[in-house]
Protein backbone atom coordinates (compact mmCIF):
# COMPACT_ATOMS: atom_id res chain seq x y z
CA UNK A 1 110.89 87.19 121.08
CA UNK A 2 108.26 86.77 118.33
CA UNK A 3 108.26 88.09 114.79
CA UNK A 4 106.22 88.21 111.59
CA UNK A 5 107.27 86.47 108.40
CA UNK A 6 105.60 87.60 105.15
CA UNK A 7 105.85 85.17 102.24
CA UNK A 8 104.68 86.16 98.79
CA UNK A 9 105.14 85.37 95.15
CA UNK A 10 106.32 88.66 93.70
CA UNK A 11 105.81 90.05 90.22
CA UNK A 12 106.89 93.67 90.66
CA UNK A 13 108.60 95.78 93.32
CA UNK A 14 106.56 97.84 95.76
CA UNK A 15 103.53 95.58 95.60
CA UNK A 16 100.97 94.93 98.33
CA UNK A 17 103.17 92.52 100.30
CA UNK A 18 106.20 94.84 100.22
CA UNK A 19 104.12 97.75 101.47
CA UNK A 20 102.69 95.71 104.33
CA UNK A 21 106.19 94.62 105.38
CA UNK A 22 107.40 98.22 105.30
CA UNK A 23 104.42 99.41 107.33
CA UNK A 24 105.04 96.77 110.01
CA UNK A 25 108.69 97.77 110.19
CA UNK A 26 107.74 101.41 110.69
CA UNK A 27 105.42 100.28 113.51
CA UNK A 28 108.43 98.75 115.25
CA UNK A 29 107.53 95.13 114.48
CA UNK A 30 110.26 92.58 113.82
CA UNK A 31 109.39 91.46 110.30
CA UNK A 32 111.04 89.39 107.60
CA UNK A 33 109.94 89.34 103.97
CA UNK A 34 110.58 86.40 101.66
CA UNK A 35 109.80 87.08 98.00
CA UNK A 36 109.45 84.08 95.72
CA UNK A 37 109.71 83.89 91.93
CA UNK A 38 106.32 83.14 90.38
CA UNK A 39 106.17 79.59 88.99
CA UNK A 40 104.13 80.85 86.03
CA UNK A 41 104.49 83.18 83.08
CA UNK A 42 105.46 86.37 84.89
CA UNK A 43 107.82 89.05 83.65
CA UNK A 44 109.76 89.80 86.82
CA UNK A 45 110.76 87.92 89.89
CA UNK A 46 112.38 88.79 93.15
CA UNK A 47 115.46 86.82 94.08
CA UNK A 48 116.18 88.05 97.58
CA UNK A 49 114.64 89.22 100.83
CA UNK A 50 113.52 92.57 102.23
CA UNK A 51 116.99 93.72 103.24
CA UNK A 52 118.55 93.26 99.79
CA UNK A 53 116.11 93.30 96.92
CA UNK A 54 116.91 92.58 93.30
CA UNK A 55 114.54 92.18 90.37
CA UNK A 56 115.26 90.63 87.02
CA UNK A 57 113.59 89.98 83.70
CA UNK A 58 113.10 86.38 82.76
CA UNK A 59 111.52 84.54 79.83
CA UNK A 60 108.25 82.70 80.05
CA UNK A 61 108.45 79.23 81.53
CA UNK A 62 107.11 76.05 80.04
CA UNK A 63 104.95 73.79 82.18
CA UNK A 64 107.76 71.48 83.29
CA UNK A 65 110.00 74.34 84.42
CA UNK A 66 106.99 75.87 86.19
CA UNK A 67 106.52 72.75 88.32
CA UNK A 68 110.24 72.67 89.11
CA UNK A 69 110.01 76.31 90.22
CA UNK A 70 107.17 75.37 92.60
CA UNK A 71 109.28 72.64 94.16
CA UNK A 72 112.26 74.99 94.42
CA UNK A 73 110.08 77.61 96.12
CA UNK A 74 108.89 75.08 98.68
CA UNK A 75 112.44 74.25 99.73
CA UNK A 76 113.33 77.94 99.76
CA UNK A 77 110.52 78.61 102.27
CA UNK A 78 111.30 75.50 104.31
CA UNK A 79 114.99 76.29 104.59
CA UNK A 80 114.28 79.94 105.40
CA UNK A 81 112.03 79.01 108.34
CA UNK A 82 114.42 76.32 109.49
CA UNK A 83 117.30 78.79 109.59
CA UNK A 84 115.48 81.47 111.59
CA UNK A 85 116.95 82.68 114.85
CA UNK A 86 116.95 80.21 117.72
CA UNK A 87 115.98 82.94 120.22
CA UNK A 88 112.56 83.38 118.61
CA UNK A 89 109.68 82.05 120.71
CA UNK A 90 107.56 81.69 117.58
CA UNK A 91 106.58 83.42 114.37
CA UNK A 92 103.36 84.64 112.83
CA UNK A 93 103.27 83.97 109.12
CA UNK A 94 101.34 86.03 106.57
CA UNK A 95 101.15 84.17 103.27
CA UNK A 96 99.98 86.43 100.45
CA UNK A 97 98.55 83.77 98.16
CA UNK A 98 97.26 80.17 98.56
CA UNK A 99 100.39 78.53 97.14
CA UNK A 100 102.66 80.41 99.54
CA UNK A 101 100.35 79.31 102.36
CA UNK A 102 100.68 75.66 101.34
CA UNK A 103 104.47 76.02 101.38
CA UNK A 104 104.16 77.29 104.96
CA UNK A 105 101.77 74.50 105.88
CA UNK A 106 104.30 71.90 104.74
CA UNK A 107 107.24 73.67 106.39
CA UNK A 108 106.59 72.92 110.05
CA UNK A 109 110.28 72.77 110.90
CA UNK A 110 112.63 74.79 113.05
CA UNK A 111 111.03 77.85 114.61
CA UNK A 112 107.45 77.17 115.82
CA UNK A 113 104.66 78.86 113.84
CA UNK A 114 102.19 80.47 116.25
CA UNK A 115 99.71 81.80 113.71
CA UNK A 116 99.04 81.27 110.00
CA UNK A 117 97.36 84.17 108.18
CA UNK A 118 96.18 83.89 104.58
CA UNK A 119 96.15 87.24 102.78
CA UNK A 120 94.54 87.20 99.31
CA UNK A 121 96.37 90.14 97.75
CA UNK A 122 95.27 89.28 94.21
CA UNK A 123 92.12 87.16 94.38
CA UNK A 124 89.83 86.94 91.36
CA UNK A 125 86.81 84.70 90.88
CA UNK A 126 87.85 83.61 87.37
CA UNK A 127 91.59 83.68 87.66
CA UNK A 128 92.44 81.04 85.06
CA UNK A 129 91.04 80.20 81.64
CA UNK A 130 92.04 76.53 81.54
CA UNK A 131 89.79 74.20 83.52
CA UNK A 132 92.65 72.24 85.11
CA UNK A 133 94.29 75.46 86.34
CA UNK A 134 90.98 76.66 87.79
CA UNK A 135 90.46 73.35 89.61
CA UNK A 136 94.00 73.40 91.02
CA UNK A 137 93.63 77.02 92.16
CA UNK A 138 90.30 76.21 93.81
CA UNK A 139 91.86 73.23 95.59
CA UNK A 140 94.75 75.35 96.90
CA UNK A 141 92.32 78.03 98.11
CA UNK A 142 90.19 75.50 100.00
CA UNK A 143 93.22 73.84 101.54
CA UNK A 144 94.68 77.15 102.64
CA UNK A 145 91.40 78.54 104.02
CA UNK A 146 90.76 75.35 106.00
CA UNK A 147 94.10 75.67 107.80
CA UNK A 148 94.25 79.46 108.18
CA UNK A 149 93.73 81.17 111.51
CA UNK A 150 92.59 84.31 109.68
CA UNK A 151 91.72 85.15 106.07
CA UNK A 152 92.33 88.67 104.74
CA UNK A 153 91.47 90.36 101.44
CA UNK A 154 92.33 93.81 100.06
CA UNK A 155 88.72 94.93 99.50
CA UNK A 156 85.10 94.24 100.34
CA UNK A 157 84.56 93.25 96.71
CA UNK A 158 87.25 90.58 96.93
CA UNK A 159 85.86 89.30 100.22
CA UNK A 160 82.35 89.10 98.76
CA UNK A 161 83.64 87.14 95.74
CA UNK A 162 85.62 84.85 98.03
CA UNK A 163 82.55 84.12 100.17
CA UNK A 164 80.47 83.30 97.12
CA UNK A 165 82.85 80.54 96.11
CA UNK A 166 84.17 79.29 99.46
CA UNK A 167 81.23 79.90 101.80
CA UNK A 168 81.53 76.55 103.60
CA UNK A 169 85.26 76.84 104.22
CA UNK A 170 84.90 80.41 105.55
CA UNK A 171 82.16 79.55 108.06
CA UNK A 172 84.65 78.80 110.82
CA UNK A 173 87.35 81.30 109.83
CA UNK A 174 87.54 84.95 110.82
CA UNK A 175 87.81 87.30 107.84
CA UNK A 176 89.02 90.88 107.58
CA UNK A 177 89.63 93.49 104.87
CA UNK A 178 93.20 94.79 104.96
CA UNK A 179 93.44 97.47 102.23
CA UNK A 180 96.42 98.26 100.08
CA UNK A 181 98.71 100.84 101.65
CA UNK A 182 100.18 103.82 99.77
CA UNK A 183 103.89 104.12 99.19
CA UNK A 184 105.61 105.78 102.19
CA UNK A 185 106.57 109.06 100.56
CA UNK A 186 108.65 111.14 102.91
CA UNK A 187 109.08 114.48 101.19
CA UNK A 188 106.87 117.55 100.97
CA UNK A 189 104.79 116.13 98.12
CA UNK A 190 102.02 118.70 98.51
CA UNK A 191 104.12 121.76 97.93
CA UNK A 192 102.85 124.37 95.45
CA UNK A 193 105.35 123.74 92.65
CA UNK A 194 104.78 123.73 88.87
CA UNK A 195 103.47 120.40 87.60
CA UNK A 196 102.85 119.75 83.94
CA UNK A 197 103.21 116.07 83.18
CA UNK A 198 100.92 113.07 82.92
CA UNK A 199 102.22 109.79 84.35
CA UNK A 200 101.28 106.14 83.90
CA UNK A 201 102.65 103.97 86.69
CA UNK A 202 102.40 100.19 86.49
CA UNK A 203 103.14 97.15 84.37
CA UNK A 204 103.15 97.72 80.63
CA UNK A 205 100.71 94.91 79.97
CA UNK A 206 97.19 94.47 78.72
CA UNK A 207 95.48 94.03 82.10
CA UNK A 208 96.71 97.43 83.27
CA UNK A 209 95.50 99.32 80.22
CA UNK A 210 98.78 99.63 78.33
CA UNK A 211 97.11 98.68 75.02
CA UNK A 212 95.12 101.92 74.92
CA UNK A 213 97.99 104.21 75.94
CA UNK A 214 99.00 105.18 72.36
CA UNK A 215 95.43 106.25 71.51
CA UNK A 216 95.16 108.22 74.77
CA UNK A 217 98.44 110.03 74.18
CA UNK A 218 97.59 110.77 70.54
CA UNK A 219 94.21 112.27 71.48
CA UNK A 220 95.73 114.47 74.20
CA UNK A 221 98.65 115.62 72.06
CA UNK A 222 96.23 116.56 69.30
CA UNK A 223 94.99 119.24 71.73
CA UNK A 224 98.07 119.92 73.86
CA UNK A 225 101.11 118.85 71.88
CA UNK A 226 103.77 119.61 74.52
CA UNK A 227 102.31 117.84 77.54
CA UNK A 228 105.01 115.37 78.70
CA UNK A 229 104.04 111.75 79.34
CA UNK A 230 106.03 109.51 81.66
CA UNK A 231 105.56 105.74 81.46
CA UNK A 232 106.91 104.39 84.73
CA UNK A 233 107.12 100.61 84.55
CA UNK A 234 108.05 97.72 82.32
CA UNK A 235 106.38 94.69 80.85
CA UNK A 236 105.65 92.57 77.77
CA UNK A 237 104.15 95.46 75.77
CA UNK A 238 107.04 97.87 76.20
CA UNK A 239 108.72 97.05 72.89
CA UNK A 240 105.50 97.48 70.90
CA UNK A 241 104.72 100.74 72.69
CA UNK A 242 108.19 102.10 72.01
CA UNK A 243 107.66 101.42 68.30
CA UNK A 244 104.18 102.97 68.24
CA UNK A 245 105.26 106.07 70.16
CA UNK A 246 108.76 106.46 68.68
CA UNK A 247 107.81 109.65 66.84
CA UNK A 248 106.54 111.45 69.95
CA UNK A 249 109.38 113.28 71.65
CA UNK A 250 107.22 114.13 74.67
CA UNK A 251 106.79 110.48 75.70
CA UNK A 252 109.42 109.17 78.14
CA UNK A 253 109.87 105.47 78.94
CA UNK A 254 111.29 105.40 82.47
CA UNK A 255 111.49 101.63 82.94
CA UNK A 256 111.17 99.76 86.21
CA UNK A 257 111.92 101.99 89.23
CA UNK A 258 112.40 100.23 92.57
CA UNK A 259 113.32 103.19 94.76
CA UNK A 260 110.41 104.86 96.53
CA UNK A 261 112.39 108.13 96.62
CA UNK A 262 112.86 108.05 92.85
CA UNK A 263 109.15 107.31 92.31
CA UNK A 264 108.30 110.25 94.56
CA UNK A 265 110.56 112.60 92.59
CA UNK A 266 108.98 111.55 89.30
CA UNK A 267 105.45 111.97 90.63
CA UNK A 268 106.32 115.47 91.83
CA UNK A 269 106.95 116.49 88.22
CA UNK A 270 103.44 115.49 87.19
CA UNK A 271 99.95 116.84 87.64
CA UNK A 272 97.81 113.89 86.52
CA UNK A 273 98.15 110.12 87.09
CA UNK A 274 96.53 107.40 84.98
CA UNK A 275 95.13 104.29 86.68
CA UNK A 276 93.91 102.12 83.82
CA UNK A 277 92.38 98.66 84.24
CA UNK A 278 91.06 96.48 81.47
CA UNK A 279 87.54 95.32 82.45
CA UNK A 280 88.36 91.64 82.74
CA UNK A 281 86.79 89.38 85.42
CA UNK A 282 89.81 87.06 85.42
CA UNK A 283 92.15 89.82 86.60
CA UNK A 284 92.49 90.59 90.29
CA UNK A 285 92.21 94.36 89.75
CA UNK A 286 88.51 93.77 89.11
CA UNK A 287 88.12 92.92 92.80
CA UNK A 288 91.13 94.46 94.52
CA UNK A 289 91.73 97.77 96.22
CA UNK A 290 93.05 100.39 93.71
CA UNK A 291 96.63 100.74 94.85
CA UNK A 292 98.08 103.30 92.46
CA UNK A 293 95.14 105.69 92.91
CA UNK A 294 96.25 106.12 96.53
CA UNK A 295 99.86 106.64 95.45
CA UNK A 296 98.87 109.40 93.05
CA UNK A 297 96.67 111.15 95.60
CA UNK A 298 99.30 110.86 98.32
CA UNK A 299 101.84 112.45 95.95
CA UNK A 300 99.50 115.35 95.16
CA UNK A 301 98.28 114.31 91.69
CA UNK A 302 94.82 114.36 90.17
CA UNK A 303 93.73 110.92 88.95
CA UNK A 304 91.92 109.51 85.94
CA UNK A 305 90.91 105.91 86.52
CA UNK A 306 88.81 103.39 84.62
CA UNK A 307 87.76 101.52 87.71
CA UNK A 308 86.51 102.30 91.17
CA UNK A 309 85.40 99.51 93.50
CA UNK A 310 81.80 99.34 94.67
CA UNK A 311 81.43 101.28 97.90
CA UNK A 312 84.78 103.01 97.48
CA UNK A 313 85.37 106.09 99.62
CA UNK A 314 87.54 107.65 96.94
CA UNK A 315 84.92 110.22 95.94
CA UNK A 316 86.95 113.35 95.33
CA UNK A 317 86.99 116.26 92.89
CA UNK A 318 90.56 115.20 92.17
CA UNK A 319 89.55 111.73 90.92
CA UNK A 320 87.70 111.23 87.64
CA UNK A 321 86.30 107.76 86.93
CA UNK A 322 85.52 107.06 83.27
CA UNK A 323 84.81 104.08 80.96
CA UNK A 324 87.65 101.98 79.59
CA UNK A 325 87.83 103.91 76.36
CA UNK A 326 90.88 105.88 75.13
CA UNK A 327 88.81 108.85 73.96
CA UNK A 328 86.92 109.06 77.27
CA UNK A 329 90.19 108.81 79.20
CA UNK A 330 91.80 111.51 77.04
CA UNK A 331 88.79 113.79 77.51
CA UNK A 332 89.02 113.35 81.28
CA UNK A 333 92.73 114.22 81.25
CA UNK A 334 92.05 117.32 79.13
CA UNK A 335 89.33 118.36 81.58
CA UNK A 336 91.87 118.25 84.42
CA UNK A 337 94.51 120.06 82.34
CA UNK A 338 92.09 122.91 81.68
CA UNK A 339 91.14 123.31 85.31
CA UNK A 340 92.83 125.87 87.51
CA UNK A 341 95.84 124.35 89.30
CA UNK A 342 94.99 123.27 92.84
CA UNK A 343 96.76 124.54 95.93
CA UNK A 344 98.15 122.47 98.79
CA UNK A 345 95.58 124.00 101.13
CA UNK A 346 92.71 122.81 98.92
CA UNK A 347 94.25 119.45 98.27
CA UNK A 348 95.56 118.20 101.57
CA UNK A 349 92.35 117.60 103.62
CA UNK A 350 90.71 115.32 101.03
CA UNK A 351 93.74 113.42 99.77
CA UNK A 352 95.10 112.96 103.28
CA UNK A 353 91.80 111.48 104.51
CA UNK A 354 91.75 108.91 101.69
CA UNK A 355 95.32 107.84 102.43
CA UNK A 356 95.16 107.91 106.22
CA UNK A 357 91.93 105.88 106.27
CA UNK A 358 93.92 102.97 104.77
CA UNK A 359 96.48 103.19 107.57
CA UNK A 360 93.77 103.36 110.22
CA UNK A 361 92.03 100.33 108.75
CA UNK A 362 95.31 98.42 108.58
CA UNK A 363 96.10 99.16 112.22
CA UNK A 364 92.61 98.08 113.31
CA UNK A 365 92.78 94.81 111.40
CA UNK A 366 96.31 93.95 112.52
CA UNK A 367 95.37 94.65 116.14
CA UNK A 368 92.28 92.43 115.76
CA UNK A 369 94.43 89.48 114.66
CA UNK A 370 97.09 90.34 117.27
CA UNK A 371 99.72 90.91 114.61
CA UNK A 372 100.92 94.00 116.47
CA UNK A 373 101.35 92.28 119.82
């Protein structure tokens, strides 16, 4: 018997790696997921595996503790592989970042590894500001690419950026685009029920547009004072946002929600979803596949986003793309508020095609690399 092991550093629940693991499980594949705490300055970390997940806040690490976390992660991966079932004939490993791949490369113990797949879920061309960090990241990328059987990215943009920097290493490696998958909502999300709210789903941090949220909400409430806003997520800016928005009784801080069912219920209360991305070349959202846009569409929401990848197929009357400016975002939301409410019959064909195309692409890619064998 063979299986797939997915290894990833995890910042938040329900990220790209979690969704891939869930999709493989629904396809009947024997899959294990090992989430590792980030050895850097992240706000959340996962401390368990797919079957029993738990997330926790933690303070920022200093450099020495960060290196110790890297060493600890290596032994966590090594021991996990070593302890895998003896009846397995081999495993295919999908490492979702270069450092996780290096852990796998150095963990050739116990169960034989049949295939090593490197999946860049968060690649960016200018990931780090400090020169030493950039050099180390480049070294890890080259090492991982050189030893990978396949290299995957979440978008054509990310693959193009990867080829620009690592053209020599990628000459002898097969590459594929495996897009982000929407959350597996199971209810009747497209039912014709009253929806009034606006929701922001994601980390409350600068890169995901949280800095401009107060100005957006103020501009919208100047026109429609009783439109409820739901901020679904947590992060380093939450405390400041709570202070800035403390006088607005129609703003609800929902915190970090892990349950897909709970996320689905909250989205069903809303009509419009915000997908905000600060235009910053060092952040992976500049290159990646817009994950939350698919979640909103799948749940029956209209979307206002500040970014759409080049060549994206997300052209839809239910998606408005605007500049990263709070007034422009607010105007786009108001435009959607003033439109006639859509019906499920109007909505379903377009939103369903956007979502299902991701699943079709995923199945094609995974069959090409024999991950579904």
